[in-house]
Amino acid sequence: MSIIGWIILGLLAGAIAKFLLPGRDPGGFIGTTLIGVAGAFIGGWIAAHWLDHPITKNFYDGATWAAAIGGSLVLLIVYRILFGNSRD
């Protein structure tokens, strides 16, 4: 996949992660979207390097989506732990 494909996948993964973890986020919609994009890249990198599952060039591969959503969830949880009280 190209960089544009990963960004689109990250946007969708961030939206899915937000759906799975509802609540107020310190960064709002834009922060959650950026976390989704970063999570897609990090999840793909972890899957390729540590889990020995190379990310395919197919946008519709289930493992690619799982890695992107998993990375987004982890980053969203860490972001909430570190900056969760900043919008109160």
PDB file of N, CA and C in Angstrom:
ATOM      1  N   MET A   1       0.844  -1.183   0.000  1.00  0.00           N
ATOM      2  CA  MET A   1       0.000   0.000   0.000  1.00  0.00           C
ATOM      3  C   MET A   1       0.883   1.238   0.000  1.00  0.00           C
ATOM      4  N   SER A   2       0.355   2.276  -0.545  1.00  0.00           N
ATOM      5  CA  SER A   2       1.091   3.533  -0.570  1.00  0.00           C
ATOM      6  C   SER A   2       0.858   4.291   0.735  1.00  0.00           C
ATOM      7  N   ILE A   3       1.548   5.384   0.873  1.00  0.00           N
ATOM      8  CA  ILE A   3       1.376   6.234   2.055  1.00  0.00           C
ATOM      9  C   ILE A   3      -0.061   6.735   2.131  1.00  0.00           C
ATOM     10  N   ILE A   4      -0.652   7.078   1.007  1.00  0.00           N
ATOM     11  CA  ILE A   4      -2.040   7.551   0.987  1.00  0.00           C
ATOM     12  C   ILE A   4      -2.974   6.452   1.489  1.00  0.00           C
ATOM     13  N   GLY A   5      -2.712   5.219   1.083  1.00  0.00           N
ATOM     14  CA  GLY A   5      -3.522   4.095   1.559  1.00  0.00           C
ATOM     15  C   GLY A   5      -3.422   3.924   3.065  1.00  0.00           C
ATOM     16  N   TRP A   6      -2.207   4.062   3.606  1.00  0.00           N
ATOM     17  CA  TRP A   6      -2.044   3.951   5.064  1.00  0.00           C
ATOM     18  C   TRP A   6      -2.729   5.093   5.789  1.00  0.00           C
ATOM     19  N   ILE A   7      -2.715   6.284   5.209  1.00  0.00           N
ATOM     20  CA  ILE A   7      -3.394   7.418   5.847  1.00  0.00           C
ATOM     21  C   ILE A   7      -4.902   7.188   5.855  1.00  0.00           C
ATOM     22  N   ILE A   8      -5.439   6.722   4.746  1.00  0.00           N
ATOM     23  CA  ILE A   8      -6.877   6.432   4.702  1.00  0.00           C
ATOM     24  C   ILE A   8      -7.221   5.313   5.671  1.00  0.00           C
ATOM     25  N   LEU A   9      -6.404   4.269   5.690  1.00  0.00           N
ATOM     26  CA  LEU A   9      -6.614   3.179   6.639  1.00  0.00           C
ATOM     27  C   LEU A   9      -6.532   3.701   8.072  1.00  0.00           C
ATOM     28  N   GLY A  10      -5.589   4.596   8.338  1.00  0.00           N
ATOM     29  CA  GLY A  10      -5.452   5.173   9.671  1.00  0.00           C
ATOM     30  C   GLY A  10      -6.642   6.014  10.076  1.00  0.00           C
ATOM     31  N   LEU A  11      -7.185   6.771   9.147  1.00  0.00           N
ATOM     32  CA  LEU A  11      -8.386   7.563   9.445  1.00  0.00           C
ATOM     33  C   LEU A  11      -9.546   6.653   9.827  1.00  0.00           C
ATOM     34  N   LEU A  12      -9.716   5.600   9.064  1.00  0.00           N
ATOM     35  CA  LEU A  12     -10.794   4.657   9.373  1.00  0.00           C
ATOM     36  C   LEU A  12     -10.514   3.886  10.659  1.00  0.00           C
ATOM     37  N   ALA A  13      -9.265   3.504  10.876  1.00  0.00           N
ATOM     38  CA  ALA A  13      -8.903   2.791  12.111  1.00  0.00           C
ATOM     39  C   ALA A  13      -9.097   3.683  13.327  1.00  0.00           C
ATOM     40  N   GLY A  14      -8.783   4.969  13.207  1.00  0.00           N
ATOM     41  CA  GLY A  14      -9.015   5.901  14.312  1.00  0.00           C
ATOM     42  C   GLY A  14     -10.488   6.050  14.623  1.00  0.00           C
ATOM     43  N   ALA A  15     -11.322   6.078  13.596  1.00  0.00           N
ATOM     44  CA  ALA A  15     -12.770   6.159  13.819  1.00  0.00           C
ATOM     45  C   ALA A  15     -13.293   4.890  14.481  1.00  0.00           C
ATOM     46  N   ILE A  16     -12.778   3.743  14.071  1.00  0.00           N
ATOM     47  CA  ILE A  16     -13.203   2.479  14.685  1.00  0.00           C
ATOM     48  C   ILE A  16     -12.722   2.401  16.126  1.00  0.00           C
ATOM     49  N   ALA A  17     -11.486   2.837  16.379  1.00  0.00           N
ATOM     50  CA  ALA A  17     -10.965   2.836  17.749  1.00  0.00           C
ATOM     51  C   ALA A  17     -11.784   3.768  18.634  1.00  0.00           C
ATOM     52  N   LYS A  18     -12.180   4.911  18.112  1.00  0.00           N
ATOM     53  CA  LYS A  18     -13.021   5.848  18.863  1.00  0.00           C
ATOM     54  C   LYS A  18     -14.384   5.224  19.150  1.00  0.00           C
ATOM     55  N   PHE A  19     -14.914   4.466  18.202  1.00  0.00           N
ATOM     56  CA  PHE A  19     -16.191   3.789  18.400  1.00  0.00           C
ATOM     57  C   PHE A  19     -16.069   2.716  19.484  1.00  0.00           C
ATOM     58  N   LEU A  20     -14.942   1.998  19.496  1.00  0.00           N
ATOM     59  CA  LEU A  20     -14.736   0.939  20.478  1.00  0.00           C
ATOM     60  C   LEU A  20     -14.416   1.476  21.871  1.00  0.00           C
ATOM     61  N   LEU A  21     -13.834   2.678  21.941  1.00  0.00           N
ATOM     62  CA  LEU A  21     -13.518   3.323  23.213  1.00  0.00           C
ATOM     63  C   LEU A  21     -14.213   4.677  23.283  1.00  0.00           C
ATOM     64  N   PRO A  22     -15.508   4.690  23.536  1.00  0.00           N
ATOM     65  CA  PRO A  22     -16.212   5.972  23.553  1.00  0.00           C
ATOM     66  C   PRO A  22     -15.798   6.804  24.766  1.00  0.00           C
ATOM     67  N   GLY A  23     -16.085   8.068  24.688  1.00  0.00           N
ATOM     68  CA  GLY A  23     -15.763   8.981  25.775  1.00  0.00           C
ATOM     69  C   GLY A  23     -15.056  10.206  25.237  1.00  0.00           C
ATOM     70  N   ARG A  24     -14.777  11.114  26.152  1.00  0.00           N
ATOM     71  CA  ARG A  24     -14.112  12.353  25.751  1.00  0.00           C
ATOM     72  C   ARG A  24     -12.622  12.120  25.606  1.00  0.00           C
ATOM     73  N   ASP A  25     -12.093  12.603  24.518  1.00  0.00           N
ATOM     74  CA  ASP A  25     -10.657  12.530  24.288  1.00  0.00           C
ATOM     75  C   ASP A  25     -10.063  13.914  24.451  1.00  0.00           C
ATOM     76  N   PRO A  26      -8.846  13.982  24.974  1.00  0.00           N
ATOM     77  CA  PRO A  26      -8.231  15.292  25.165  1.00  0.00           C
ATOM     78  C   PRO A  26      -8.012  16.063  23.871  1.00  0.00           C
ATOM     79  N   GLY A  27      -7.801  15.390  22.758  1.00  0.00           N
ATOM     80  CA  GLY A  27      -7.512  16.075  21.512  1.00  0.00           C
ATOM     81  C   GLY A  27      -8.712  16.285  20.617  1.00  0.00           C
ATOM     82  N   GLY A  28      -9.860  15.760  20.973  1.00  0.00           N
ATOM     83  CA  GLY A  28     -11.039  15.892  20.145  1.00  0.00           C
ATOM     84  C   GLY A  28     -10.943  15.059  18.882  1.00  0.00           C
ATOM     85  N   PHE A  29     -11.704  15.448  17.879  1.00  0.00           N
ATOM     86  CA  PHE A  29     -11.776  14.685  16.638  1.00  0.00           C
ATOM     87  C   PHE A  29     -10.446  14.665  15.894  1.00  0.00           C
ATOM     88  N   ILE A  30      -9.786  15.805  15.812  1.00  0.00           N
ATOM     89  CA  ILE A  30      -8.526  15.881  15.073  1.00  0.00           C
ATOM     90  C   ILE A  30      -7.447  15.061  15.770  1.00  0.00           C
ATOM     91  N   GLY A  31      -7.371  15.149  17.081  1.00  0.00           N
ATOM     92  CA  GLY A  31      -6.391  14.356  17.828  1.00  0.00           C
ATOM     93  C   GLY A  31      -6.629  12.875  17.667  1.00  0.00           C
ATOM     94  N   THR A  32      -7.893  12.454  17.728  1.00  0.00           N
ATOM     95  CA  THR A  32      -8.222  11.037  17.553  1.00  0.00           C
ATOM     96  C   THR A  32      -7.876  10.572  16.143  1.00  0.00           C
ATOM     97  N   THR A  33      -8.104  11.410  15.164  1.00  0.00           N
ATOM     98  CA  THR A  33      -7.773  11.071  13.781  1.00  0.00           C
ATOM     99  C   THR A  33      -6.268  10.902  13.604  1.00  0.00           C
ATOM    100  N   LEU A  34      -5.495  11.813  14.167  1.00  0.00           N
ATOM    101  CA  LEU A  34      -4.040  11.703  14.070  1.00  0.00           C
ATOM    102  C   LEU A  34      -3.522  10.482  14.817  1.00  0.00           C
ATOM    103  N   ILE A  35      -4.151  10.159  15.942  1.00  0.00           N
ATOM    104  CA  ILE A  35      -3.788   8.941  16.665  1.00  0.00           C
ATOM    105  C   ILE A  35      -4.096   7.713  15.810  1.00  0.00           C
ATOM    106  N   GLY A  36      -5.201   7.746  15.075  1.00  0.00           N
ATOM    107  CA  GLY A  36      -5.540   6.636  14.188  1.00  0.00           C
ATOM    108  C   GLY A  36      -4.510   6.439  13.097  1.00  0.00           C
ATOM    109  N   VAL A  37      -4.056   7.520  12.501  1.00  0.00           N
ATOM    110  CA  VAL A  37      -3.043   7.422  11.445  1.00  0.00           C
ATOM    111  C   VAL A  37      -1.733   6.894  12.025  1.00  0.00           C
ATOM    112  N   ALA A  38      -1.308   7.448  13.162  1.00  0.00           N
ATOM    113  CA  ALA A  38      -0.074   6.976  13.799  1.00  0.00           C
ATOM    114  C   ALA A  38      -0.220   5.519  14.239  1.00  0.00           C
ATOM    115  N   GLY A  39      -1.382   5.157  14.750  1.00  0.00           N
ATOM    116  CA  GLY A  39      -1.627   3.779  15.170  1.00  0.00           C
ATOM    117  C   GLY A  39      -1.582   2.805  14.013  1.00  0.00           C
ATOM    118  N   ALA A  40      -2.059   3.216  12.860  1.00  0.00           N
ATOM    119  CA  ALA A  40      -1.994   2.356  11.679  1.00  0.00           C
ATOM    120  C   ALA A  40      -0.544   2.092  11.280  1.00  0.00           C
ATOM    121  N   PHE A  41       0.270   3.135  11.291  1.00  0.00           N
ATOM    122  CA  PHE A  41       1.677   2.951  10.959  1.00  0.00           C
ATOM    123  C   PHE A  41       2.387   2.085  11.997  1.00  0.00           C
ATOM    124  N   ILE A  42       2.160   2.365  13.264  1.00  0.00           N
ATOM    125  CA  ILE A  42       2.829   1.607  14.325  1.00  0.00           C
ATOM    126  C   ILE A  42       2.339   0.157  14.354  1.00  0.00           C
ATOM    127  N   GLY A  43       1.040  -0.039  14.232  1.00  0.00           N
ATOM    128  CA  GLY A  43       0.506  -1.401  14.207  1.00  0.00           C
ATOM    129  C   GLY A  43       1.034  -2.205  13.039  1.00  0.00           C
ATOM    130  N   GLY A  44       1.129  -1.595  11.883  1.00  0.00           N
ATOM    131  CA  GLY A  44       1.695  -2.271  10.718  1.00  0.00           C
ATOM    132  C   GLY A  44       3.160  -2.599  10.896  1.00  0.00           C
ATOM    133  N   TRP A  45       3.904  -1.682  11.487  1.00  0.00           N
ATOM    134  CA  TRP A  45       5.322  -1.919  11.728  1.00  0.00           C
ATOM    135  C   TRP A  45       5.527  -3.055  12.729  1.00  0.00           C
ATOM    136  N   ILE A  46       4.745  -3.057  13.812  1.00  0.00           N
ATOM    137  CA  ILE A  46       4.857  -4.115  14.813  1.00  0.00           C
ATOM    138  C   ILE A  46       4.500  -5.470  14.200  1.00  0.00           C
ATOM    139  N   ALA A  47       3.427  -5.515  13.417  1.00  0.00           N
ATOM    140  CA  ALA A  47       3.025  -6.776  12.790  1.00  0.00           C
ATOM    141  C   ALA A  47       4.099  -7.287  11.834  1.00  0.00           C
ATOM    142  N   ALA A  48       4.734  -6.398  11.114  1.00  0.00           N
ATOM    143  CA  ALA A  48       5.737  -6.811  10.140  1.00  0.00           C
ATOM    144  C   ALA A  48       7.053  -7.224  10.795  1.00  0.00           C
ATOM    145  N   HIS A  49       7.453  -6.517  11.848  1.00  0.00           N
ATOM    146  CA  HIS A  49       8.776  -6.766  12.414  1.00  0.00           C
ATOM    147  C   HIS A  49       8.782  -7.732  13.595  1.00  0.00           C
ATOM    148  N   TRP A  50       7.802  -7.683  14.444  1.00  0.00           N
ATOM    149  CA  TRP A  50       7.816  -8.497  15.658  1.00  0.00           C
ATOM    150  C   TRP A  50       6.921  -9.724  15.575  1.00  0.00           C
ATOM    151  N   LEU A  51       5.848  -9.653  14.812  1.00  0.00           N
ATOM    152  CA  LEU A  51       4.920 -10.780  14.736  1.00  0.00           C
ATOM    153  C   LEU A  51       5.128 -11.621  13.484  1.00  0.00           C
ATOM    154  N   ASP A  52       6.126 -11.296  12.701  1.00  0.00           N
ATOM    155  CA  ASP A  52       6.454 -12.016  11.469  1.00  0.00           C
ATOM    156  C   ASP A  52       5.258 -12.175  10.543  1.00  0.00           C
ATOM    157  N   HIS A  53       4.413 -11.174  10.488  1.00  0.00           N
ATOM    158  CA  HIS A  53       3.292 -11.170   9.549  1.00  0.00           C
ATOM    159  C   HIS A  53       3.460  -9.953   8.648  1.00  0.00           C
ATOM    160  N   PRO A  54       4.103 -10.130   7.504  1.00  0.00           N
ATOM    161  CA  PRO A  54       4.309  -8.965   6.640  1.00  0.00           C
ATOM    162  C   PRO A  54       2.978  -8.398   6.167  1.00  0.00           C
ATOM    163  N   ILE A  55       2.912  -7.115   6.167  1.00  0.00           N
ATOM    164  CA  ILE A  55       1.707  -6.425   5.721  1.00  0.00           C
ATOM    165  C   ILE A  55       1.640  -6.520   4.204  1.00  0.00           C
ATOM    166  N   THR A  56       0.522  -6.989   3.715  1.00  0.00           N
ATOM    167  CA  THR A  56       0.368  -7.169   2.276  1.00  0.00           C
ATOM    168  C   THR A  56       0.076  -5.843   1.592  1.00  0.00           C
ATOM    169  N   LYS A  57       0.099  -5.889   0.298  1.00  0.00           N
ATOM    170  CA  LYS A  57      -0.219  -4.696  -0.477  1.00  0.00           C
ATOM    171  C   LYS A  57      -1.713  -4.573  -0.726  1.00  0.00           C
ATOM    172  N   ASN A  58      -2.481  -5.481  -0.168  1.00  0.00           N
ATOM    173  CA  ASN A  58      -3.926  -5.473  -0.343  1.00  0.00           C
ATOM    174  C   ASN A  58      -4.572  -4.635   0.763  1.00  0.00           C
ATOM    175  N   PHE A  59      -5.342  -3.648   0.381  1.00  0.00           N
ATOM    176  CA  PHE A  59      -6.001  -2.758   1.341  1.00  0.00           C
ATOM    177  C   PHE A  59      -7.026  -3.501   2.180  1.00  0.00           C
ATOM    178  N   TYR A  60      -7.603  -4.565   1.665  1.00  0.00           N
ATOM    179  CA  TYR A  60      -8.694  -5.271   2.337  1.00  0.00           C
ATOM    180  C   TYR A  60      -8.236  -6.494   3.126  1.00  0.00           C
ATOM    181  N   ASP A  61      -6.955  -6.608   3.414  1.00  0.00           N
ATOM    182  CA  ASP A  61      -6.442  -7.726   4.199  1.00  0.00           C
ATOM    183  C   ASP A  61      -6.851  -7.558   5.661  1.00  0.00           C
ATOM    184  N   GLY A  62      -7.438  -8.603   6.232  1.00  0.00           N
ATOM    185  CA  GLY A  62      -7.925  -8.540   7.614  1.00  0.00           C
ATOM    186  C   GLY A  62      -6.831  -8.302   8.634  1.00  0.00           C
ATOM    187  N   ALA A  63      -5.654  -8.908   8.415  1.00  0.00           N
ATOM    188  CA  ALA A  63      -4.542  -8.713   9.353  1.00  0.00           C
ATOM    189  C   ALA A  63      -4.042  -7.273   9.328  1.00  0.00           C
ATOM    190  N   THR A  64      -4.059  -6.652   8.170  1.00  0.00           N
ATOM    191  CA  THR A  64      -3.655  -5.257   8.068  1.00  0.00           C
ATOM    192  C   THR A  64      -4.606  -4.370   8.860  1.00  0.00           C
ATOM    193  N   TRP A  65      -5.895  -4.623   8.710  1.00  0.00           N
ATOM    194  CA  TRP A  65      -6.889  -3.850   9.449  1.00  0.00           C
ATOM    195  C   TRP A  65      -6.779  -4.088  10.948  1.00  0.00           C
ATOM    196  N   ALA A  66      -6.570  -5.346  11.341  1.00  0.00           N
ATOM    197  CA  ALA A  66      -6.437  -5.658  12.769  1.00  0.00           C
ATOM    198  C   ALA A  66      -5.216  -4.959  13.360  1.00  0.00           C
ATOM    199  N   ALA A  67      -4.107  -4.947  12.632  1.00  0.00           N
ATOM    200  CA  ALA A  67      -2.904  -4.270  13.115  1.00  0.00           C
ATOM    201  C   ALA A  67      -3.133  -2.772  13.244  1.00  0.00           C
ATOM    202  N   ALA A  68      -3.799  -2.178  12.266  1.00  0.00           N
ATOM    203  CA  ALA A  68      -4.048  -0.738  12.304  1.00  0.00           C
ATOM    204  C   ALA A  68      -4.999  -0.362  13.439  1.00  0.00           C
ATOM    205  N   ILE A  69      -6.060  -1.114  13.606  1.00  0.00           N
ATOM    206  CA  ILE A  69      -7.023  -0.822  14.672  1.00  0.00           C
ATOM    207  C   ILE A  69      -6.395  -1.086  16.034  1.00  0.00           C
ATOM    208  N   GLY A  70      -5.633  -2.172  16.153  1.00  0.00           N
ATOM    209  CA  GLY A  70      -4.956  -2.472  17.412  1.00  0.00           C
ATOM    210  C   GLY A  70      -3.964  -1.389  17.793  1.00  0.00           C
ATOM    211  N   GLY A  71      -3.188  -0.923  16.831  1.00  0.00           N
ATOM    212  CA  GLY A  71      -2.256   0.172  17.095  1.00  0.00           C
ATOM    213  C   GLY A  71      -2.976   1.440  17.496  1.00  0.00           C
ATOM    214  N   SER A  72      -4.099   1.723  16.855  1.00  0.00           N
ATOM    215  CA  SER A  72      -4.881   2.911  17.199  1.00  0.00           C
ATOM    216  C   SER A  72      -5.467   2.811  18.601  1.00  0.00           C
ATOM    217  N   LEU A  73      -5.957   1.629  18.961  1.00  0.00           N
ATOM    218  CA  LEU A  73      -6.502   1.436  20.310  1.00  0.00           C
ATOM    219  C   LEU A  73      -5.431   1.632  21.372  1.00  0.00           C
ATOM    220  N   VAL A  74      -4.258   1.062  21.136  1.00  0.00           N
ATOM    221  CA  VAL A  74      -3.175   1.200  22.112  1.00  0.00           C
ATOM    222  C   VAL A  74      -2.767   2.662  22.258  1.00  0.00           C
ATOM    223  N   LEU A  75      -2.598   3.359  21.143  1.00  0.00           N
ATOM    224  CA  LEU A  75      -2.223   4.771  21.228  1.00  0.00           C
ATOM    225  C   LEU A  75      -3.316   5.618  21.869  1.00  0.00           C
ATOM    226  N   LEU A  76      -4.568   5.317  21.596  1.00  0.00           N
ATOM    227  CA  LEU A  76      -5.667   6.062  22.199  1.00  0.00           C
ATOM    228  C   LEU A  76      -5.710   5.850  23.709  1.00  0.00           C
ATOM    229  N   ILE A  77      -5.480   4.633  24.153  1.00  0.00           N
ATOM    230  CA  ILE A  77      -5.456   4.352  25.594  1.00  0.00           C
ATOM    231  C   ILE A  77      -4.289   5.085  26.257  1.00  0.00           C
ATOM    232  N   VAL A  78      -3.114   5.016  25.651  1.00  0.00           N
ATOM    233  CA  VAL A  78      -1.943   5.703  26.210  1.00  0.00           C
ATOM    234  C   VAL A  78      -2.181   7.211  26.234  1.00  0.00           C
ATOM    235  N   TYR A  79      -2.764   7.746  25.181  1.00  0.00           N
ATOM    236  CA  TYR A  79      -3.047   9.178  25.104  1.00  0.00           C
ATOM    237  C   TYR A  79      -4.027   9.596  26.195  1.00  0.00           C
ATOM    238  N   ARG A  80      -5.037   8.786  26.433  1.00  0.00           N
ATOM    239  CA  ARG A  80      -5.993   9.105  27.494  1.00  0.00           C
ATOM    240  C   ARG A  80      -5.361   9.026  28.870  1.00  0.00           C
ATOM    241  N   ILE A  81      -4.455   8.073  29.069  1.00  0.00           N
ATOM    242  CA  ILE A  81      -3.777   7.958  30.362  1.00  0.00           C
ATOM    243  C   ILE A  81      -2.886   9.168  30.604  1.00  0.00           C
ATOM    244  N   LEU A  82      -2.149   9.583  29.581  1.00  0.00           N
ATOM    245  CA  LEU A  82      -1.212  10.694  29.752  1.00  0.00           C
ATOM    246  C   LEU A  82      -1.886  12.057  29.797  1.00  0.00           C
ATOM    247  N   PHE A  83      -2.905  12.269  28.973  1.00  0.00           N
ATOM    248  CA  PHE A  83      -3.493  13.593  28.830  1.00  0.00           C
ATOM    249  C   PHE A  83      -4.988  13.611  29.094  1.00  0.00           C
ATOM    250  N   GLY A  84      -5.495  12.646  29.807  1.00  0.00           N
ATOM    251  CA  GLY A  84      -6.946  12.484  29.980  1.00  0.00           C
ATOM    252  C   GLY A  84      -7.644  13.606  30.715  1.00  0.00           C
ATOM    253  N   ASN A  85      -6.982  14.282  31.619  1.00  0.00           N
ATOM    254  CA  ASN A  85      -7.633  15.315  32.426  1.00  0.00           C
ATOM    255  C   ASN A  85      -7.440  16.719  31.880  1.00  0.00           C
ATOM    256  N   SER A  86      -6.851  16.856  30.706  1.00  0.00           N
ATOM    257  CA  SER A  86      -6.541  18.186  30.206  1.00  0.00           C
ATOM    258  C   SER A  86      -7.762  18.944  29.674  1.00  0.00           C
ATOM    259  N   ARG A  87      -8.890  18.248  29.391  1.00  0.00           N
ATOM    260  CA  ARG A  87     -10.090  18.927  28.880  1.00  0.00           C
ATOM    261  C   ARG A  87     -11.139  19.150  29.952  1.00  0.00           C
ATOM    262  N   ASP A  88     -10.867  18.820  31.177  1.00  0.00           N
ATOM    263  CA  ASP A  88     -11.862  18.989  32.238  1.00  0.00           C
ATOM    264  C   ASP A  88     -12.048  20.434  32.617  1.00  0.00           C
TER     265      ASP A  88
END
